[in-house]
Amino acid sequence: MSFIAVFITVSGEEEALRIARSLVERRLAACCNLLGGVRSIYRWQERVEDAIEVLLVVKTRRECFSALQVEVTRLHSYSVPEIVALPIEALSESYRLWLQDSTATE
């Protein structure tokens, strides 16, 4: 079984809370950290944008990613949401067990 950390930027705290709660309630994530005040500079529709966003850091199983992506896309206000997953290379045994027990088993 492998685990991932998923990075998702959102427009604000209310949206971050809505997405985080849904992911945890549906067992698509064991934990979501909300990091406010993230400044993002990016290209969108041929313009360079500068925005303050909230970054969600989501810990989950690799096999939950497809369903997580569908749920985030359903709830997200952006037409192209950032949903980036990185492998977790190492975990403490107690955290691994908690992460495994807290996420979907289907």
Protein backbone atom coordinates (compact mmCIF):
# COMPACT_ATOMS: atom_id res chain seq x y z
CA MET A 1 0.00 0.00 0.00
CA SER A 2 1.36 3.43 -0.92
CA PHE A 3 0.51 6.86 0.38
CA ILE A 4 0.56 10.32 -1.19
CA ALA A 5 0.44 13.97 -0.19
CA VAL A 6 -1.85 16.01 -2.42
CA PHE A 7 -1.47 19.77 -2.85
CA ILE A 8 -4.60 21.74 -3.73
CA THR A 9 -4.81 25.53 -3.93
CA VAL A 10 -8.18 27.19 -3.35
CA SER A 11 -9.56 30.72 -3.37
CA GLY A 12 -10.09 31.08 0.37
CA GLU A 13 -10.63 29.51 3.78
CA GLU A 14 -14.35 28.79 3.35
CA GLU A 15 -13.69 26.80 0.18
CA ALA A 16 -10.73 25.05 1.82
CA LEU A 17 -12.86 24.02 4.80
CA ARG A 18 -15.67 22.73 2.55
CA ILE A 19 -13.28 20.60 0.47
CA ALA A 20 -11.25 19.36 3.46
CA ARG A 21 -14.33 18.31 5.45
CA SER A 22 -15.80 16.47 2.48
CA LEU A 23 -12.58 14.57 1.79
CA VAL A 24 -12.16 13.49 5.42
CA GLU A 25 -15.86 12.66 5.90
CA ARG A 26 -15.81 10.49 2.75
CA ARG A 27 -12.57 8.81 3.92
CA LEU A 28 -10.80 10.02 0.78
CA ALA A 29 -8.26 11.70 3.08
CA ALA A 30 -7.04 11.00 6.58
CA CYS A 31 -5.98 14.59 7.17
CA CYS A 32 -6.06 17.97 5.43
CA ASN A 33 -3.83 20.85 6.55
CA LEU A 34 -4.98 24.34 5.58
CA LEU A 35 -2.17 26.82 5.02
CA GLY A 36 -3.48 30.34 4.59
CA GLY A 37 -1.81 33.35 3.06
CA VAL A 38 -0.11 31.45 0.24
CA ARG A 39 0.86 33.86 -2.50
CA SER A 40 0.61 32.33 -5.96
CA ILE A 41 2.00 33.85 -9.13
CA TYR A 42 0.91 31.98 -12.24
CA ARG A 43 -0.01 32.32 -15.88
CA TRP A 44 -3.74 32.18 -16.66
CA GLN A 45 -5.36 33.05 -19.99
CA GLU A 46 -2.15 34.67 -21.27
CA ARG A 47 -1.79 36.94 -18.23
CA VAL A 48 0.47 36.72 -15.21
CA GLU A 49 -1.73 36.62 -12.11
CA ASP A 50 -0.84 37.32 -8.48
CA ALA A 51 -3.28 35.93 -5.89
CA ILE A 52 -3.50 35.08 -2.21
CA GLU A 53 -4.82 31.53 -1.82
CA VAL A 54 -5.14 28.75 0.74
CA LEU A 55 -3.08 25.60 0.22
CA LEU A 56 -4.55 22.26 1.25
CA VAL A 57 -2.04 19.52 2.02
CA VAL A 58 -3.95 16.24 1.94
CA LYS A 59 -2.63 12.88 3.15
CA THR A 60 -4.23 9.77 1.68
CA ARG A 61 -3.74 6.39 0.02
CA ARG A 62 -2.62 6.34 -3.59
CA GLU A 63 -5.68 4.33 -4.59
CA CYS A 64 -7.99 7.10 -3.29
CA PHE A 65 -6.58 9.65 -5.74
CA SER A 66 -9.10 9.17 -8.57
CA ALA A 67 -12.12 9.54 -6.29
CA LEU A 68 -10.43 12.43 -4.46
CA GLN A 69 -9.84 14.21 -7.77
CA VAL A 70 -13.50 13.81 -8.75
CA GLU A 71 -14.68 15.17 -5.40
CA VAL A 72 -12.28 18.13 -5.43
CA THR A 73 -13.26 19.03 -8.99
CA ARG A 74 -16.96 18.85 -8.02
CA LEU A 75 -16.50 21.23 -5.07
CA HIS A 76 -13.79 23.55 -6.40
CA SER A 77 -14.53 27.03 -7.74
CA TYR A 78 -11.68 27.03 -10.28
CA SER A 79 -12.23 25.68 -13.80
CA VAL A 80 -8.72 24.16 -13.66
CA PRO A 81 -7.97 23.31 -10.03
CA GLU A 82 -4.46 22.45 -8.95
CA ILE A 83 -4.50 18.83 -7.74
CA VAL A 84 -0.91 17.60 -7.49
CA ALA A 85 0.06 14.34 -5.76
CA LEU A 86 3.52 13.44 -4.53
CA PRO A 87 4.55 10.06 -3.14
CA ILE A 88 5.27 9.80 0.57
CA GLU A 89 8.57 7.99 0.74
CA ALA A 90 8.72 7.25 4.47
CA LEU A 91 6.34 7.32 7.45
CA SER A 92 6.54 6.49 11.11
CA GLU A 93 4.82 3.16 11.72
CA SER A 94 2.16 4.63 14.01
CA TYR A 95 1.30 7.37 11.50
CA ARG A 96 1.18 4.83 8.65
CA LEU A 97 -1.29 2.68 10.58
CA TRP A 98 -3.46 5.71 11.41
CA LEU A 99 -3.37 6.88 7.79
CA GLN A 100 -4.32 3.41 6.59
CA ASP A 101 -7.17 3.09 9.11
CA SER A 102 -8.53 6.58 8.38
CA THR A 103 -8.91 6.22 4.61
CA ALA A 104 -11.25 4.26 2.34
CA THR A 105 -10.78 0.54 1.98
CA GLU A 106 -12.74 0.04 -1.28
